[in-house]
Amino acid sequence: RFNGQWLRLWRGTQMFTLPKEDLIGGLLEIK
C-alpha cells in the first residue's frame, strides 16, 4: 500500500483539492 498525504477531518464539511497522483488508485480511507 502507498499512502498519499494525510489530511485532518474536523466535525462538519471540508473541501479538499487533492493531487492527481493521490486519486489514481481511486481509494480513500477515513481513519
PDB file of all heavy atoms in Angstrom:
ATOM      1  N   ARG A   1       0.836  -1.201   0.000  1.00  0.00           N
ATOM      2  CA  ARG A   1       0.000   0.000   0.000  1.00  0.00           C
ATOM      3  C   ARG A   1       0.873   1.254   0.000  1.00  0.00           C
ATOM      4  O   ARG A   1       1.864   1.333   0.720  1.00  0.00           O
ATOM      5  CB  ARG A   1      -0.890  -0.030   1.248  1.00  0.00           C
ATOM      6  CG  ARG A   1      -1.759   1.170   1.394  1.00  0.00           C
ATOM      7  CD  ARG A   1      -2.669   0.998   2.583  1.00  0.00           C
ATOM      8  NE  ARG A   1      -3.133   2.291   3.032  1.00  0.00           N
ATOM      9  CZ  ARG A   1      -4.251   2.487   3.675  1.00  0.00           C
ATOM     10  NH1 ARG A   1      -5.016   1.473   3.958  1.00  0.00           N
ATOM     11  NH2 ARG A   1      -4.598   3.684   4.048  1.00  0.00           N
ATOM     12  N   PHE A   2       0.481   2.240  -0.831  1.00  0.00           N
ATOM     13  CA  PHE A   2       1.189   3.518  -0.898  1.00  0.00           C
ATOM     14  C   PHE A   2       0.228   4.614  -0.474  1.00  0.00           C
ATOM     15  O   PHE A   2      -0.772   4.855  -1.140  1.00  0.00           O
ATOM     16  CB  PHE A   2       1.700   3.766  -2.324  1.00  0.00           C
ATOM     17  CG  PHE A   2       2.367   5.090  -2.486  1.00  0.00           C
ATOM     18  CD1 PHE A   2       3.637   5.305  -1.985  1.00  0.00           C
ATOM     19  CD2 PHE A   2       1.719   6.134  -3.115  1.00  0.00           C
ATOM     20  CE1 PHE A   2       4.253   6.536  -2.123  1.00  0.00           C
ATOM     21  CE2 PHE A   2       2.323   7.374  -3.258  1.00  0.00           C
ATOM     22  CZ  PHE A   2       3.597   7.561  -2.759  1.00  0.00           C
ATOM     23  N   ASN A   3       0.499   5.270   0.665  1.00  0.00           N
ATOM     24  CA  ASN A   3      -0.364   6.329   1.185  1.00  0.00           C
ATOM     25  C   ASN A   3       0.027   7.674   0.605  1.00  0.00           C
ATOM     26  O   ASN A   3       1.206   7.972   0.436  1.00  0.00           O
ATOM     27  CB  ASN A   3      -0.268   6.431   2.707  1.00  0.00           C
ATOM     28  CG  ASN A   3      -0.931   5.283   3.406  1.00  0.00           C
ATOM     29  OD1 ASN A   3      -1.798   4.632   2.854  1.00  0.00           O
ATOM     30  ND2 ASN A   3      -0.518   5.022   4.629  1.00  0.00           N
ATOM     31  N   GLY A   4      -0.993   8.507   0.347  1.00  0.00           N
ATOM     32  CA  GLY A   4      -0.759   9.895  -0.024  1.00  0.00           C
ATOM     33  C   GLY A   4      -0.662  10.739   1.246  1.00  0.00           C
ATOM     34  O   GLY A   4      -0.443  10.227   2.343  1.00  0.00           O
ATOM     35  N   GLN A   5      -0.860  12.033   1.099  1.00  0.00           N
ATOM     36  CA  GLN A   5      -0.775  12.947   2.245  1.00  0.00           C
ATOM     37  C   GLN A   5      -1.992  12.774   3.144  1.00  0.00           C
ATOM     38  O   GLN A   5      -3.122  12.789   2.679  1.00  0.00           O
ATOM     39  CB  GLN A   5      -0.714  14.386   1.741  1.00  0.00           C
ATOM     40  CG  GLN A   5      -0.639  15.394   2.854  1.00  0.00           C
ATOM     41  CD  GLN A   5      -0.627  16.821   2.339  1.00  0.00           C
ATOM     42  OE1 GLN A   5      -0.771  17.061   1.144  1.00  0.00           O
ATOM     43  NE2 GLN A   5      -0.469  17.760   3.242  1.00  0.00           N
ATOM     44  N   TRP A   6      -1.771  12.623   4.445  1.00  0.00           N
ATOM     45  CA  TRP A   6      -2.853  12.508   5.416  1.00  0.00           C
ATOM     46  C   TRP A   6      -3.429  13.903   5.664  1.00  0.00           C
ATOM     47  O   TRP A   6      -2.684  14.854   5.886  1.00  0.00           O
ATOM     48  CB  TRP A   6      -2.331  11.939   6.719  1.00  0.00           C
ATOM     49  CG  TRP A   6      -1.950  10.493   6.683  1.00  0.00           C
ATOM     50  CD1 TRP A   6      -1.298   9.832   5.686  1.00  0.00           C
ATOM     51  CD2 TRP A   6      -2.194   9.531   7.697  1.00  0.00           C
ATOM     52  NE1 TRP A   6      -1.108   8.529   6.021  1.00  0.00           N
ATOM     53  CE2 TRP A   6      -1.649   8.313   7.256  1.00  0.00           C
ATOM     54  CE3 TRP A   6      -2.809   9.577   8.935  1.00  0.00           C
ATOM     55  CZ2 TRP A   6      -1.717   7.145   8.011  1.00  0.00           C
ATOM     56  CZ3 TRP A   6      -2.870   8.428   9.690  1.00  0.00           C
ATOM     57  CH2 TRP A   6      -2.337   7.224   9.233  1.00  0.00           C
ATOM     58  N   LEU A   7      -4.750  14.018   5.635  1.00  0.00           N
ATOM     59  CA  LEU A   7      -5.426  15.298   5.852  1.00  0.00           C
ATOM     60  C   LEU A   7      -6.344  15.179   7.063  1.00  0.00           C
ATOM     61  O   LEU A   7      -7.027  14.171   7.236  1.00  0.00           O
ATOM     62  CB  LEU A   7      -6.239  15.672   4.606  1.00  0.00           C
ATOM     63  CG  LEU A   7      -5.420  15.763   3.323  1.00  0.00           C
ATOM     64  CD1 LEU A   7      -6.317  15.726   2.112  1.00  0.00           C
ATOM     65  CD2 LEU A   7      -4.605  17.031   3.340  1.00  0.00           C
ATOM     66  N   ARG A   8      -6.392  16.215   7.887  1.00  0.00           N
ATOM     67  CA  ARG A   8      -7.225  16.192   9.092  1.00  0.00           C
ATOM     68  C   ARG A   8      -8.682  16.459   8.739  1.00  0.00           C
ATOM     69  O   ARG A   8      -8.983  17.325   7.925  1.00  0.00           O
ATOM     70  CB  ARG A   8      -6.760  17.244  10.084  1.00  0.00           C
ATOM     71  CG  ARG A   8      -5.422  16.935  10.643  1.00  0.00           C
ATOM     72  CD  ARG A   8      -4.973  17.989  11.600  1.00  0.00           C
ATOM     73  NE  ARG A   8      -3.633  17.633  12.059  1.00  0.00           N
ATOM     74  CZ  ARG A   8      -3.028  18.246  13.034  1.00  0.00           C
ATOM     75  NH1 ARG A   8      -3.590  19.243  13.645  1.00  0.00           N
ATOM     76  NH2 ARG A   8      -1.835  17.863  13.399  1.00  0.00           N
ATOM     77  N   LEU A   9      -9.570  15.721   9.393  1.00  0.00           N
ATOM     78  CA  LEU A   9     -11.009  15.928   9.230  1.00  0.00           C
ATOM     79  C   LEU A   9     -11.588  16.407  10.550  1.00  0.00           C
ATOM     80  O   LEU A   9     -11.464  15.735  11.572  1.00  0.00           O
ATOM     81  CB  LEU A   9     -11.707  14.629   8.807  1.00  0.00           C
ATOM     82  CG  LEU A   9     -11.367  14.094   7.424  1.00  0.00           C
ATOM     83  CD1 LEU A   9     -12.026  12.743   7.205  1.00  0.00           C
ATOM     84  CD2 LEU A   9     -11.818  15.075   6.371  1.00  0.00           C
ATOM     85  N   TRP A  10     -12.202  17.568  10.528  1.00  0.00           N
ATOM     86  CA  TRP A  10     -12.860  18.131  11.696  1.00  0.00           C
ATOM     87  C   TRP A  10     -14.357  17.892  11.560  1.00  0.00           C
ATOM     88  O   TRP A  10     -14.830  17.482  10.504  1.00  0.00           O
ATOM     89  CB  TRP A  10     -12.561  19.622  11.803  1.00  0.00           C
ATOM     90  CG  TRP A  10     -11.096  19.912  11.806  1.00  0.00           C
ATOM     91  CD1 TRP A  10     -10.310  20.141  10.722  1.00  0.00           C
ATOM     92  CD2 TRP A  10     -10.229  19.943  12.925  1.00  0.00           C
ATOM     93  NE1 TRP A  10      -9.006  20.333  11.093  1.00  0.00           N
ATOM     94  CE2 TRP A  10      -8.926  20.215  12.449  1.00  0.00           C
ATOM     95  CE3 TRP A  10     -10.410  19.779  14.294  1.00  0.00           C
ATOM     96  CZ2 TRP A  10      -7.825  20.320  13.286  1.00  0.00           C
ATOM     97  CZ3 TRP A  10      -9.312  19.900  15.124  1.00  0.00           C
ATOM     98  CH2 TRP A  10      -8.050  20.165  14.631  1.00  0.00           C
ATOM     99  N   ARG A  11     -15.102  18.151  12.576  1.00  0.00           N
ATOM    100  CA  ARG A  11     -16.545  17.982  12.515  1.00  0.00           C
ATOM    101  C   ARG A  11     -17.128  18.948  11.490  1.00  0.00           C
ATOM    102  O   ARG A  11     -16.765  20.116  11.438  1.00  0.00           O
ATOM    103  CB  ARG A  11     -17.162  18.258  13.883  1.00  0.00           C
ATOM    104  CG  ARG A  11     -18.637  18.008  13.900  1.00  0.00           C
ATOM    105  CD  ARG A  11     -19.178  18.192  15.287  1.00  0.00           C
ATOM    106  NE  ARG A  11     -20.592  17.888  15.301  1.00  0.00           N
ATOM    107  CZ  ARG A  11     -21.414  18.352  16.193  1.00  0.00           C
ATOM    108  NH1 ARG A  11     -20.980  19.125  17.158  1.00  0.00           N
ATOM    109  NH2 ARG A  11     -22.678  18.033  16.141  1.00  0.00           N
ATOM    110  N   GLY A  12     -18.011  18.459  10.641  1.00  0.00           N
ATOM    111  CA  GLY A  12     -18.611  19.274   9.601  1.00  0.00           C
ATOM    112  C   GLY A  12     -18.098  18.868   8.229  1.00  0.00           C
ATOM    113  O   GLY A  12     -17.616  17.763   8.031  1.00  0.00           O
ATOM    114  N   THR A  13     -18.189  19.784   7.281  1.00  0.00           N
ATOM    115  CA  THR A  13     -17.790  19.508   5.906  1.00  0.00           C
ATOM    116  C   THR A  13     -16.547  20.311   5.548  1.00  0.00           C
ATOM    117  O   THR A  13     -16.487  21.501   5.821  1.00  0.00           O
ATOM    118  CB  THR A  13     -18.929  19.880   4.933  1.00  0.00           C
ATOM    119  OG1 THR A  13     -20.110  19.194   5.333  1.00  0.00           O
ATOM    120  CG2 THR A  13     -18.590  19.480   3.512  1.00  0.00           C
ATOM    121  N   GLN A  14     -15.581  19.640   4.954  1.00  0.00           N
ATOM    122  CA  GLN A  14     -14.372  20.298   4.472  1.00  0.00           C
ATOM    123  C   GLN A  14     -14.186  19.949   3.008  1.00  0.00           C
ATOM    124  O   GLN A  14     -14.493  18.834   2.597  1.00  0.00           O
ATOM    125  CB  GLN A  14     -13.124  19.836   5.223  1.00  0.00           C
ATOM    126  CG  GLN A  14     -13.109  20.162   6.686  1.00  0.00           C
ATOM    127  CD  GLN A  14     -13.538  18.981   7.504  1.00  0.00           C
ATOM    128  OE1 GLN A  14     -12.953  17.931   7.435  1.00  0.00           O
ATOM    129  NE2 GLN A  14     -14.585  19.151   8.271  1.00  0.00           N
ATOM    130  N   MET A  15     -13.666  20.916   2.236  1.00  0.00           N
ATOM    131  CA  MET A  15     -13.381  20.686   0.833  1.00  0.00           C
ATOM    132  C   MET A  15     -11.877  20.589   0.645  1.00  0.00           C
ATOM    133  O   MET A  15     -11.115  21.370   1.218  1.00  0.00           O
ATOM    134  CB  MET A  15     -13.927  21.827  -0.022  1.00  0.00           C
ATOM    135  CG  MET A  15     -13.772  21.579  -1.500  1.00  0.00           C
ATOM    136  SD  MET A  15     -14.330  22.935  -2.508  1.00  0.00           S
ATOM    137  CE  MET A  15     -12.907  23.989  -2.437  1.00  0.00           C
ATOM    138  N   PHE A  16     -11.452  19.617  -0.158  1.00  0.00           N
ATOM    139  CA  PHE A  16     -10.038  19.406  -0.437  1.00  0.00           C
ATOM    140  C   PHE A  16      -9.826  19.371  -1.942  1.00  0.00           C
ATOM    141  O   PHE A  16     -10.659  18.866  -2.686  1.00  0.00           O
ATOM    142  CB  PHE A  16      -9.558  18.070   0.142  1.00  0.00           C
ATOM    143  CG  PHE A  16      -9.747  17.942   1.618  1.00  0.00           C
ATOM    144  CD1 PHE A  16     -10.803  17.224   2.135  1.00  0.00           C
ATOM    145  CD2 PHE A  16      -8.864  18.543   2.494  1.00  0.00           C
ATOM    146  CE1 PHE A  16     -10.983  17.107   3.496  1.00  0.00           C
ATOM    147  CE2 PHE A  16      -9.036  18.432   3.856  1.00  0.00           C
ATOM    148  CZ  PHE A  16     -10.097  17.711   4.360  1.00  0.00           C
ATOM    149  N   THR A  17      -8.694  19.902  -2.383  1.00  0.00           N
ATOM    150  CA  THR A  17      -8.255  19.733  -3.762  1.00  0.00           C
ATOM    151  C   THR A  17      -7.056  18.801  -3.700  1.00  0.00           C
ATOM    152  O   THR A  17      -5.966  19.191  -3.289  1.00  0.00           O
ATOM    153  CB  THR A  17      -7.872  21.084  -4.388  1.00  0.00           C
ATOM    154  OG1 THR A  17      -8.998  21.957  -4.318  1.00  0.00           O
ATOM    155  CG2 THR A  17      -7.471  20.905  -5.837  1.00  0.00           C
ATOM    156  N   LEU A  18      -7.276  17.562  -4.071  1.00  0.00           N
ATOM    157  CA  LEU A  18      -6.248  16.539  -3.949  1.00  0.00           C
ATOM    158  C   LEU A  18      -5.395  16.477  -5.212  1.00  0.00           C
ATOM    159  O   LEU A  18      -5.887  16.721  -6.311  1.00  0.00           O
ATOM    160  CB  LEU A  18      -6.897  15.178  -3.701  1.00  0.00           C
ATOM    161  CG  LEU A  18      -7.746  15.080  -2.437  1.00  0.00           C
ATOM    162  CD1 LEU A  18      -8.449  13.742  -2.379  1.00  0.00           C
ATOM    163  CD2 LEU A  18      -6.888  15.260  -1.207  1.00  0.00           C
ATOM    164  N   PRO A  19      -4.121  16.140  -5.072  1.00  0.00           N
ATOM    165  CA  PRO A  19      -3.273  15.966  -6.256  1.00  0.00           C
ATOM    166  C   PRO A  19      -3.755  14.783  -7.100  1.00  0.00           C
ATOM    167  O   PRO A  19      -4.303  13.819  -6.568  1.00  0.00           O
ATOM    168  CB  PRO A  19      -1.884  15.673  -5.674  1.00  0.00           C
ATOM    169  CG  PRO A  19      -1.949  16.017  -4.241  1.00  0.00           C
ATOM    170  CD  PRO A  19      -3.379  15.976  -3.834  1.00  0.00           C
ATOM    171  N   LYS A  20      -3.549  14.863  -8.402  1.00  0.00           N
ATOM    172  CA  LYS A  20      -3.943  13.763  -9.295  1.00  0.00           C
ATOM    173  C   LYS A  20      -3.314  12.447  -8.867  1.00  0.00           C
ATOM    174  O   LYS A  20      -3.931  11.398  -8.959  1.00  0.00           O
ATOM    175  CB  LYS A  20      -3.493  14.051 -10.731  1.00  0.00           C
ATOM    176  CG  LYS A  20      -4.391  14.921 -11.506  1.00  0.00           C
ATOM    177  CD  LYS A  20      -3.881  14.955 -12.949  1.00  0.00           C
ATOM    178  CE  LYS A  20      -4.394  16.179 -13.649  1.00  0.00           C
ATOM    179  NZ  LYS A  20      -3.886  16.288 -15.005  1.00  0.00           N
ATOM    180  N   GLU A  21      -2.075  12.515  -8.428  1.00  0.00           N
ATOM    181  CA  GLU A  21      -1.353  11.307  -8.042  1.00  0.00           C
ATOM    182  C   GLU A  21      -2.041  10.569  -6.901  1.00  0.00           C
ATOM    183  O   GLU A  21      -1.989   9.350  -6.819  1.00  0.00           O
ATOM    184  CB  GLU A  21       0.082  11.652  -7.627  1.00  0.00           C
ATOM    185  CG  GLU A  21       0.922  12.253  -8.727  1.00  0.00           C
ATOM    186  CD  GLU A  21       0.627  13.734  -8.951  1.00  0.00           C
ATOM    187  OE1 GLU A  21       0.186  14.428  -8.017  1.00  0.00           O
ATOM    188  OE2 GLU A  21       0.833  14.195 -10.087  1.00  0.00           O
ATOM    189  N   ASP A  22      -2.678  11.310  -5.984  1.00  0.00           N
ATOM    190  CA  ASP A  22      -3.361  10.682  -4.858  1.00  0.00           C
ATOM    191  C   ASP A  22      -4.669  10.017  -5.261  1.00  0.00           C
ATOM    192  O   ASP A  22      -5.174   9.158  -4.552  1.00  0.00           O
ATOM    193  CB  ASP A  22      -3.642  11.703  -3.756  1.00  0.00           C
ATOM    194  CG  ASP A  22      -2.395  12.061  -2.975  1.00  0.00           C
ATOM    195  OD1 ASP A  22      -1.372  11.371  -3.153  1.00  0.00           O
ATOM    196  OD2 ASP A  22      -2.440  13.012  -2.185  1.00  0.00           O
ATOM    197  N   LEU A  23      -5.246  10.419  -6.389  1.00  0.00           N
ATOM    198  CA  LEU A  23      -6.532   9.877  -6.808  1.00  0.00           C
ATOM    199  C   LEU A  23      -6.411   8.807  -7.890  1.00  0.00           C
ATOM    200  O   LEU A  23      -7.415   8.270  -8.330  1.00  0.00           O
ATOM    201  CB  LEU A  23      -7.442  11.007  -7.298  1.00  0.00           C
ATOM    202  CG  LEU A  23      -7.842  12.002  -6.212  1.00  0.00           C
ATOM    203  CD1 LEU A  23      -8.619  13.141  -6.821  1.00  0.00           C
ATOM    204  CD2 LEU A  23      -8.642  11.326  -5.124  1.00  0.00           C
ATOM    205  N   ILE A  24      -5.192   8.483  -8.305  1.00  0.00           N
ATOM    206  CA  ILE A  24      -5.010   7.474  -9.348  1.00  0.00           C
ATOM    207  C   ILE A  24      -5.577   6.128  -8.905  1.00  0.00           C
ATOM    208  O   ILE A  24      -6.238   5.442  -9.668  1.00  0.00           O
ATOM    209  CB  ILE A  24      -3.517   7.342  -9.727  1.00  0.00           C
ATOM    210  CG1 ILE A  24      -3.089   8.574 -10.503  1.00  0.00           C
ATOM    211  CG2 ILE A  24      -3.260   6.092 -10.542  1.00  0.00           C
ATOM    212  CD1 ILE A  24      -1.614   8.630 -10.792  1.00  0.00           C
ATOM    213  N   GLY A  25      -5.338   5.747  -7.678  1.00  0.00           N
ATOM    214  CA  GLY A  25      -5.821   4.458  -7.194  1.00  0.00           C
ATOM    215  C   GLY A  25      -7.321   4.420  -6.953  1.00  0.00           C
ATOM    216  O   GLY A  25      -7.911   3.355  -6.877  1.00  0.00           O
ATOM    217  N   GLY A  26      -7.962   5.582  -6.834  1.00  0.00           N
ATOM    218  CA  GLY A  26      -9.403   5.623  -6.613  1.00  0.00           C
ATOM    219  C   GLY A  26      -9.828   5.166  -5.231  1.00  0.00           C
ATOM    220  O   GLY A  26     -10.968   4.763  -5.032  1.00  0.00           O
ATOM    221  N   LEU A  27      -8.945   5.227  -4.256  1.00  0.00           N
ATOM    222  CA  LEU A  27      -9.248   4.746  -2.911  1.00  0.00           C
ATOM    223  C   LEU A  27      -8.976   5.842  -1.881  1.00  0.00           C
ATOM    224  O   LEU A  27      -7.926   6.475  -1.907  1.00  0.00           O
ATOM    225  CB  LEU A  27      -8.387   3.528  -2.571  1.00  0.00           C
ATOM    226  CG  LEU A  27      -8.581   2.309  -3.468  1.00  0.00           C
ATOM    227  CD1 LEU A  27      -7.457   1.317  -3.254  1.00  0.00           C
ATOM    228  CD2 LEU A  27      -9.915   1.663  -3.188  1.00  0.00           C
ATOM    229  N   LEU A  28      -9.934   6.045  -0.996  1.00  0.00           N
ATOM    230  CA  LEU A  28      -9.775   6.963   0.133  1.00  0.00           C
ATOM    231  C   LEU A  28     -10.083   6.184   1.402  1.00  0.00           C
ATOM    232  O   LEU A  28     -11.059   5.442   1.454  1.00  0.00           O
ATOM    233  CB  LEU A  28     -10.745   8.141   0.039  1.00  0.00           C
ATOM    234  CG  LEU A  28     -10.604   9.108  -1.126  1.00  0.00           C
ATOM    235  CD1 LEU A  28     -11.718  10.138  -1.074  1.00  0.00           C
ATOM    236  CD2 LEU A  28      -9.262   9.802  -1.074  1.00  0.00           C
ATOM    237  N   GLU A  29      -9.272   6.366   2.417  1.00  0.00           N
ATOM    238  CA  GLU A  29      -9.573   5.782   3.723  1.00  0.00           C
ATOM    239  C   GLU A  29      -9.882   6.910   4.687  1.00  0.00           C
ATOM    240  O   GLU A  29      -9.225   7.943   4.683  1.00  0.00           O
ATOM    241  CB  GLU A  29      -8.409   4.966   4.264  1.00  0.00           C
ATOM    242  CG  GLU A  29      -8.716   4.375   5.623  1.00  0.00           C
ATOM    243  CD  GLU A  29      -7.597   3.540   6.208  1.00  0.00           C
ATOM    244  OE1 GLU A  29      -6.542   3.402   5.575  1.00  0.00           O
ATOM    245  OE2 GLU A  29      -7.795   3.026   7.317  1.00  0.00           O
ATOM    246  N   ILE A  30     -10.911   6.712   5.497  1.00  0.00           N
ATOM    247  CA  ILE A  30     -11.221   7.637   6.575  1.00  0.00           C
ATOM    248  C   ILE A  30     -10.919   6.892   7.860  1.00  0.00           C
ATOM    249  O   ILE A  30     -11.548   5.888   8.169  1.00  0.00           O
ATOM    250  CB  ILE A  30     -12.684   8.106   6.492  1.00  0.00           C
ATOM    251  CG1 ILE A  30     -12.850   8.882   5.181  1.00  0.00           C
ATOM    252  CG2 ILE A  30     -13.045   8.949   7.697  1.00  0.00           C
ATOM    253  CD1 ILE A  30     -14.243   9.154   4.788  1.00  0.00           C
ATOM    254  N   LYS A  31      -9.907   7.368   8.562  1.00  0.00           N
ATOM    255  CA  LYS A  31      -9.420   6.687   9.761  1.00  0.00           C
ATOM    256  C   LYS A  31      -9.831   7.499  10.983  1.00  0.00           C
ATOM    257  O   LYS A  31      -9.257   8.552  11.247  1.00  0.00           O
ATOM    258  CB  LYS A  31      -7.908   6.554   9.676  1.00  0.00           C
ATOM    259  CG  LYS A  31      -7.301   5.714  10.745  1.00  0.00           C
ATOM    260  CD  LYS A  31      -5.811   5.583  10.473  1.00  0.00           C
ATOM    261  CE  LYS A  31      -5.200   4.586  11.386  1.00  0.00           C
ATOM    262  NZ  LYS A  31      -5.207   3.251  10.867  1.00  0.00           N
TER     263      LYS A  31
END
